[in-house]
Amino acid sequence: QKLLANHGKDIYRMKGILAIAHAEKFAFQAVHMIFSGEFTVPWGAEPRVSKLVFIGKNIDIEALKASFAECVSTEESVAKRAKLLRFKV
């Protein structure tokens, strides 16, 4: 959401499949600031790998990679986010 809000005018098209922890495949697409996405089918035996395609201008590839890397679920990141919650999980 933040990506499209800040850079939507420069992103002509984006689409992909996201591997979200404990969830089915999430397929998405966007044109400028118009976004749609939904959970589709289970991963099954297929490797859980996110694949993203961006078409646009003035896209800072390294910043884009870094922002998505912040979303990767690791034991450390899950523990860090759990500490920020008001109630224990």
N, C-alpha and C. Protein backbone atom coordinates (compact mmCIF):
# COMPACT_ATOMS: atom_id res chain seq x y z
N GLN A 1 0.82 -1.18 0.00
CA GLN A 1 0.00 0.00 0.00
C GLN A 1 0.87 1.26 0.00
N LYS A 2 1.89 1.25 0.85
CA LYS A 2 2.78 2.41 0.94
C LYS A 2 3.51 2.62 -0.40
N LEU A 3 3.90 1.51 -1.02
CA LEU A 3 4.61 1.59 -2.30
C LEU A 3 3.75 2.29 -3.34
N LEU A 4 2.50 1.89 -3.48
CA LEU A 4 1.62 2.50 -4.48
C LEU A 4 1.26 3.93 -4.11
N ALA A 5 1.08 4.19 -2.83
CA ALA A 5 0.74 5.55 -2.40
C ALA A 5 1.87 6.52 -2.72
N ASN A 6 3.10 6.07 -2.53
CA ASN A 6 4.26 6.95 -2.74
C ASN A 6 4.77 6.97 -4.18
N HIS A 7 4.59 5.86 -4.90
CA HIS A 7 5.20 5.76 -6.23
C HIS A 7 4.23 5.27 -7.31
N GLY A 8 2.94 5.31 -7.04
CA GLY A 8 1.95 4.79 -7.97
C GLY A 8 2.00 5.40 -9.35
N LYS A 9 2.31 6.70 -9.43
CA LYS A 9 2.35 7.36 -10.75
C LYS A 9 3.49 6.84 -11.61
N ASP A 10 4.52 6.28 -10.99
CA ASP A 10 5.67 5.76 -11.74
C ASP A 10 5.59 4.25 -12.00
N ILE A 11 4.65 3.59 -11.37
CA ILE A 11 4.50 2.15 -11.58
C ILE A 11 3.36 1.94 -12.56
N TYR A 12 3.72 1.56 -13.79
CA TYR A 12 2.72 1.36 -14.81
C TYR A 12 1.96 0.06 -14.57
N ARG A 13 2.70 -0.97 -14.14
CA ARG A 13 2.08 -2.28 -13.94
C ARG A 13 2.93 -3.07 -12.98
N MET A 14 2.29 -3.85 -12.12
CA MET A 14 3.01 -4.82 -11.30
C MET A 14 2.11 -6.02 -11.10
N LYS A 15 2.75 -7.17 -11.00
CA LYS A 15 1.99 -8.39 -10.76
C LYS A 15 2.91 -9.42 -10.14
N GLY A 16 2.32 -10.43 -9.54
CA GLY A 16 3.15 -11.47 -8.97
C GLY A 16 2.40 -12.42 -8.07
N ILE A 17 3.17 -13.32 -7.50
CA ILE A 17 2.70 -14.31 -6.53
C ILE A 17 3.55 -14.11 -5.28
N LEU A 18 2.89 -14.00 -4.12
CA LEU A 18 3.61 -13.85 -2.86
C LEU A 18 3.47 -15.11 -2.01
N ALA A 19 4.60 -15.52 -1.43
CA ALA A 19 4.61 -16.64 -0.48
C ALA A 19 4.48 -16.04 0.91
N ILE A 20 3.26 -16.03 1.43
CA ILE A 20 2.98 -15.45 2.74
C ILE A 20 2.95 -16.59 3.75
N ALA A 21 3.63 -16.40 4.88
CA ALA A 21 3.74 -17.45 5.90
C ALA A 21 2.36 -17.97 6.29
N HIS A 22 2.25 -19.28 6.36
CA HIS A 22 1.03 -19.97 6.81
C HIS A 22 -0.19 -19.65 5.96
N ALA A 23 -0.02 -19.40 4.67
CA ALA A 23 -1.16 -19.05 3.82
C ALA A 23 -1.00 -19.65 2.43
N GLU A 24 -2.10 -19.62 1.69
CA GLU A 24 -2.08 -20.07 0.30
C GLU A 24 -1.33 -19.04 -0.56
N LYS A 25 -1.17 -19.35 -1.83
CA LYS A 25 -0.55 -18.39 -2.74
C LYS A 25 -1.38 -17.11 -2.76
N PHE A 26 -0.71 -15.97 -2.81
CA PHE A 26 -1.40 -14.69 -2.94
C PHE A 26 -1.02 -14.10 -4.29
N ALA A 27 -1.99 -14.03 -5.20
CA ALA A 27 -1.76 -13.48 -6.53
C ALA A 27 -2.24 -12.03 -6.53
N PHE A 28 -1.44 -11.14 -7.11
CA PHE A 28 -1.81 -9.73 -7.14
C PHE A 28 -1.46 -9.10 -8.48
N GLN A 29 -2.11 -7.98 -8.74
CA GLN A 29 -1.77 -7.16 -9.90
C GLN A 29 -2.17 -5.73 -9.60
N ALA A 30 -1.51 -4.81 -10.25
CA ALA A 30 -1.83 -3.40 -10.07
C ALA A 30 -1.49 -2.62 -11.33
N VAL A 31 -2.25 -1.58 -11.55
CA VAL A 31 -1.98 -0.61 -12.61
C VAL A 31 -2.02 0.75 -11.93
N HIS A 32 -0.88 1.42 -11.93
CA HIS A 32 -0.73 2.67 -11.17
C HIS A 32 -1.17 2.42 -9.73
N MET A 33 -2.20 3.09 -9.23
CA MET A 33 -2.59 2.94 -7.82
C MET A 33 -3.77 2.00 -7.63
N ILE A 34 -4.20 1.34 -8.69
CA ILE A 34 -5.33 0.41 -8.60
C ILE A 34 -4.76 -0.99 -8.36
N PHE A 35 -5.07 -1.56 -7.20
CA PHE A 35 -4.50 -2.84 -6.77
C PHE A 35 -5.60 -3.85 -6.54
N SER A 36 -5.34 -5.10 -6.95
CA SER A 36 -6.23 -6.19 -6.57
C SER A 36 -5.36 -7.41 -6.28
N GLY A 37 -5.83 -8.19 -5.33
CA GLY A 37 -5.10 -9.40 -4.97
C GLY A 37 -5.99 -10.33 -4.18
N GLU A 38 -5.67 -11.61 -4.25
CA GLU A 38 -6.45 -12.59 -3.51
C GLU A 38 -5.63 -13.85 -3.27
N PHE A 39 -5.99 -14.55 -2.20
CA PHE A 39 -5.39 -15.85 -1.95
C PHE A 39 -6.00 -16.83 -2.94
N THR A 40 -5.18 -17.67 -3.53
CA THR A 40 -5.67 -18.55 -4.60
C THR A 40 -5.65 -20.01 -4.18
N VAL A 41 -4.60 -20.73 -4.51
CA VAL A 41 -4.56 -22.18 -4.26
C VAL A 41 -3.44 -22.52 -3.28
N PRO A 42 -3.54 -23.67 -2.62
CA PRO A 42 -2.46 -24.10 -1.71
C PRO A 42 -1.16 -24.33 -2.49
N TRP A 43 -0.05 -24.22 -1.78
CA TRP A 43 1.27 -24.42 -2.39
C TRP A 43 1.53 -25.88 -2.73
N GLY A 44 0.99 -26.79 -1.95
CA GLY A 44 1.27 -28.20 -2.18
C GLY A 44 2.75 -28.49 -2.03
N ALA A 45 3.31 -29.28 -2.94
CA ALA A 45 4.73 -29.65 -2.89
C ALA A 45 5.62 -28.61 -3.58
N GLU A 46 5.00 -27.64 -4.21
CA GLU A 46 5.74 -26.60 -4.93
C GLU A 46 6.55 -25.73 -3.95
N PRO A 47 7.78 -25.36 -4.30
CA PRO A 47 8.58 -24.48 -3.43
C PRO A 47 7.87 -23.14 -3.20
N ARG A 48 7.88 -22.66 -1.96
CA ARG A 48 7.24 -21.37 -1.63
C ARG A 48 8.21 -20.25 -1.98
N VAL A 49 7.99 -19.65 -3.14
CA VAL A 49 8.87 -18.57 -3.64
C VAL A 49 8.00 -17.43 -4.13
N SER A 50 8.32 -16.22 -3.69
CA SER A 50 7.61 -15.04 -4.19
C SER A 50 8.22 -14.62 -5.52
N LYS A 51 7.35 -14.23 -6.44
CA LYS A 51 7.79 -13.75 -7.76
C LYS A 51 7.05 -12.46 -8.04
N LEU A 52 7.80 -11.40 -8.33
CA LEU A 52 7.21 -10.08 -8.56
C LEU A 52 7.75 -9.48 -9.84
N VAL A 53 6.88 -8.78 -10.57
CA VAL A 53 7.29 -8.09 -11.80
C VAL A 53 6.80 -6.65 -11.71
N PHE A 54 7.70 -5.70 -11.96
CA PHE A 54 7.36 -4.28 -11.95
C PHE A 54 7.72 -3.68 -13.30
N ILE A 55 6.81 -2.90 -13.85
CA ILE A 55 7.08 -2.15 -15.07
C ILE A 55 6.79 -0.69 -14.74
N GLY A 56 7.76 0.17 -14.97
CA GLY A 56 7.55 1.58 -14.65
C GLY A 56 8.79 2.41 -14.92
N LYS A 57 8.84 3.56 -14.28
CA LYS A 57 9.99 4.46 -14.44
C LYS A 57 10.39 4.96 -13.06
N ASN A 58 11.63 5.42 -12.94
CA ASN A 58 12.15 5.97 -11.69
C ASN A 58 11.99 5.02 -10.50
N ILE A 59 12.13 3.73 -10.74
CA ILE A 59 11.99 2.75 -9.67
C ILE A 59 13.37 2.47 -9.08
N ASP A 60 13.51 2.71 -7.79
CA ASP A 60 14.76 2.43 -7.09
C ASP A 60 14.76 0.94 -6.73
N ILE A 61 15.43 0.15 -7.53
CA ILE A 61 15.40 -1.30 -7.38
C ILE A 61 15.93 -1.74 -6.02
N GLU A 62 17.01 -1.15 -5.57
CA GLU A 62 17.59 -1.55 -4.28
C GLU A 62 16.65 -1.21 -3.12
N ALA A 63 16.01 -0.06 -3.17
CA ALA A 63 15.05 0.32 -2.12
C ALA A 63 13.84 -0.61 -2.15
N LEU A 64 13.43 -0.99 -3.34
CA LEU A 64 12.30 -1.91 -3.50
C LEU A 64 12.64 -3.28 -2.91
N LYS A 65 13.83 -3.78 -3.23
CA LYS A 65 14.28 -5.06 -2.66
C LYS A 65 14.36 -4.99 -1.14
N ALA A 66 14.89 -3.89 -0.62
CA ALA A 66 15.03 -3.74 0.83
C ALA A 66 13.67 -3.71 1.52
N SER A 67 12.70 -3.02 0.93
CA SER A 67 11.38 -2.94 1.56
C SER A 67 10.69 -4.30 1.58
N PHE A 68 10.86 -5.09 0.54
CA PHE A 68 10.28 -6.44 0.54
C PHE A 68 11.06 -7.36 1.47
N ALA A 69 12.37 -7.17 1.58
CA ALA A 69 13.18 -8.00 2.49
C ALA A 69 12.75 -7.80 3.94
N GLU A 70 12.27 -6.60 4.28
CA GLU A 70 11.78 -6.33 5.64
C GLU A 70 10.55 -7.17 5.97
N CYS A 71 9.85 -7.64 4.97
CA CYS A 71 8.62 -8.40 5.18
C CYS A 71 8.87 -9.90 5.32
N VAL A 72 10.09 -10.35 5.06
CA VAL A 72 10.39 -11.78 5.12
C VAL A 72 10.23 -12.28 6.56
N SER A 73 9.51 -13.37 6.70
CA SER A 73 9.24 -13.94 8.02
C SER A 73 10.38 -14.88 8.43
N THR A 74 11.10 -14.49 9.48
CA THR A 74 12.13 -15.33 10.07
C THR A 74 11.81 -15.47 11.56
N GLU A 75 12.45 -16.40 12.23
CA GLU A 75 12.21 -16.54 13.66
C GLU A 75 12.50 -15.22 14.38
N GLU A 76 13.58 -14.57 13.97
CA GLU A 76 13.97 -13.30 14.59
C GLU A 76 12.93 -12.20 14.37
N SER A 77 12.44 -12.08 13.12
CA SER A 77 11.47 -11.03 12.83
C SER A 77 10.13 -11.29 13.53
N VAL A 78 9.74 -12.56 13.62
CA VAL A 78 8.50 -12.90 14.31
C VAL A 78 8.61 -12.56 15.80
N ALA A 79 9.74 -12.90 16.41
CA ALA A 79 9.96 -12.59 17.83
C ALA A 79 9.97 -11.08 18.06
N LYS A 80 10.60 -10.35 17.16
CA LYS A 80 10.67 -8.89 17.28
C LYS A 80 9.28 -8.27 17.21
N ARG A 81 8.46 -8.74 16.26
CA ARG A 81 7.09 -8.21 16.12
C ARG A 81 6.22 -8.60 17.30
N ALA A 82 6.43 -9.80 17.85
CA ALA A 82 5.65 -10.26 19.00
C ALA A 82 5.90 -9.37 20.22
N LYS A 83 7.12 -8.89 20.37
CA LYS A 83 7.45 -8.01 21.50
C LYS A 83 6.72 -6.67 21.41
N LEU A 84 6.34 -6.26 20.21
CA LEU A 84 5.66 -4.99 20.03
C LEU A 84 4.17 -5.06 20.34
N LEU A 85 3.63 -6.27 20.47
CA LEU A 85 2.21 -6.44 20.75
C LEU A 85 1.89 -6.08 22.19
N ARG A 86 0.70 -5.61 22.40
CA ARG A 86 0.27 -5.26 23.77
C ARG A 86 0.00 -6.49 24.61
N PHE A 87 -0.40 -7.59 23.96
CA PHE A 87 -0.72 -8.82 24.67
C PHE A 87 0.20 -9.94 24.19
N LYS A 88 0.54 -10.85 25.08
CA LYS A 88 1.40 -11.98 24.70
C LYS A 88 0.64 -12.92 23.77
N VAL A 89 1.36 -13.49 22.83
CA VAL A 89 0.78 -14.43 21.88
C VAL A 89 1.23 -15.82 22.25
